[in-house]
């Protein structure tokens, strides 16, 4: 469930896509681990770290978009005071992403 309200998360329609992306990212991370174990060239490892970082950012941005278009929008349409809470959650999440 999305939160204490018991509503399903907005990303459910794309859950399979997110899981597929995360499995791909997991494979990339294991590849980096293998590269380090095999003492590969630093720049090659850094290139892979950059690719994983971009992949995780893409997942994060997709989830933020889903949160805005589902959770925040639904709360705002309902005229719920929860809309401000949902918007603040999104704003805080975006701030964390920007800092990372």
Protein backbone atom coordinates (compact mmCIF):
# COMPACT_ATOMS: atom_id res chain seq x y z
CA UNK A 1 0.00 0.00 0.00
CA UNK A 2 1.03 3.54 -0.70
CA UNK A 3 0.73 4.96 2.79
CA UNK A 4 -1.37 4.80 5.92
CA UNK A 5 -4.50 5.60 3.86
CA UNK A 6 -4.33 2.17 2.30
CA UNK A 7 -4.38 3.44 -1.28
CA UNK A 8 -2.32 1.45 -3.78
CA UNK A 9 0.90 3.07 -5.00
CA UNK A 10 0.64 5.03 -8.24
CA UNK A 11 3.41 3.07 -9.91
CA UNK A 12 1.45 -0.20 -9.95
CA UNK A 13 0.62 0.13 -13.65
CA UNK A 14 4.37 0.21 -14.37
CA UNK A 15 5.48 -2.14 -11.60
CA UNK A 16 6.83 -4.68 -14.09
CA UNK A 17 8.91 -2.01 -15.81
CA UNK A 18 10.35 -0.86 -12.50
CA UNK A 19 11.18 -4.42 -11.44
CA UNK A 20 12.85 -5.08 -14.78
CA UNK A 21 14.92 -1.92 -14.45
CA UNK A 22 15.92 -2.82 -10.91
CA UNK A 23 17.03 -6.31 -11.99
CA UNK A 24 19.12 -4.72 -14.74
CA UNK A 25 20.64 -2.31 -12.21
CA UNK A 26 21.34 -5.21 -9.86
CA UNK A 27 23.20 -6.94 -12.69
CA UNK A 28 25.20 -3.78 -13.36
CA UNK A 29 26.16 -3.52 -9.68
CA UNK A 30 27.25 -7.16 -9.63
CA UNK A 31 29.28 -6.42 -12.75
CA UNK A 32 31.02 -3.56 -10.98
CA UNK A 33 31.77 -5.83 -8.04
CA UNK A 34 33.25 -8.38 -10.45
CA UNK A 35 35.30 -5.68 -12.19
CA UNK A 36 36.78 -4.58 -8.86
CA UNK A 37 37.54 -8.18 -7.93
CA UNK A 38 39.28 -8.64 -11.27
CA UNK A 39 41.19 -5.36 -10.77
CA UNK A 40 39.87 -3.78 -13.96
CA UNK A 41 40.89 -0.29 -15.04
CA UNK A 42 39.55 2.46 -12.74
CA UNK A 43 37.99 4.50 -15.54
CA UNK A 44 36.08 1.47 -16.82
CA UNK A 45 34.67 0.89 -13.33
CA UNK A 46 33.77 4.56 -12.96
CA UNK A 47 31.97 4.43 -16.31
CA UNK A 48 29.83 1.58 -15.00
CA UNK A 49 29.18 3.40 -11.71
CA UNK A 50 27.98 6.37 -13.73
CA UNK A 51 25.65 4.14 -15.75
CA UNK A 52 24.16 2.66 -12.55
CA UNK A 53 23.74 6.11 -11.07
CA UNK A 54 21.88 7.33 -14.17
CA UNK A 55 19.70 4.21 -14.16
CA UNK A 56 18.77 4.72 -10.50
CA UNK A 57 18.04 8.39 -11.16
CA UNK A 58 15.71 7.38 -13.99
CA UNK A 59 13.82 5.06 -11.63
CA UNK A 60 13.65 7.79 -8.99
CA UNK A 61 12.35 10.37 -11.46
CA UNK A 62 9.75 7.93 -12.70
CA UNK A 63 8.57 7.30 -9.15
CA UNK A 64 8.40 11.04 -8.44
CA UNK A 65 6.34 11.50 -11.59
CA UNK A 66 4.02 8.65 -10.57
CA UNK A 67 3.66 10.15 -7.08
CA UNK A 68 2.79 13.56 -8.50
CA UNK A 69 0.36 12.28 -11.13
CA UNK A 70 -1.34 9.76 -8.85
CA UNK A 71 -0.99 10.41 -5.14
CA UNK A 72 -0.75 14.20 -5.14
CA UNK A 73 -3.27 14.72 -7.92
CA UNK A 74 -5.82 12.34 -6.38
CA UNK A 75 -5.52 14.04 -2.99
CA UNK A 76 -5.87 17.48 -4.59
CA UNK A 77 -8.92 16.41 -6.62
CA UNK A 78 -10.55 15.07 -3.48
CA UNK A 79 -10.01 18.43 -1.83
CA UNK A 80 -8.27 16.56 0.93
CA UNK A 81 -5.95 18.31 3.39
CA UNK A 82 -3.72 15.34 2.63
CA UNK A 83 -2.86 17.05 -0.68
CA UNK A 84 -0.47 19.40 1.11
CA UNK A 85 1.16 16.43 2.85
CA UNK A 86 1.58 14.59 -0.45
CA UNK A 87 3.01 17.69 -2.13
CA UNK A 88 5.46 18.19 0.75
CA UNK A 89 6.52 14.53 0.49
CA UNK A 90 7.20 15.01 -3.22
CA UNK A 91 9.09 18.23 -2.63
CA UNK A 92 11.23 16.60 0.06
CA UNK A 93 11.93 13.60 -2.17
CA UNK A 94 13.00 15.88 -5.03
CA UNK A 95 15.27 17.80 -2.66
CA UNK A 96 16.91 14.53 -1.56
CA UNK A 97 17.42 13.51 -5.18
CA UNK A 98 19.01 16.85 -6.04
CA UNK A 99 21.37 16.62 -3.06
CA UNK A 100 22.46 13.08 -3.89
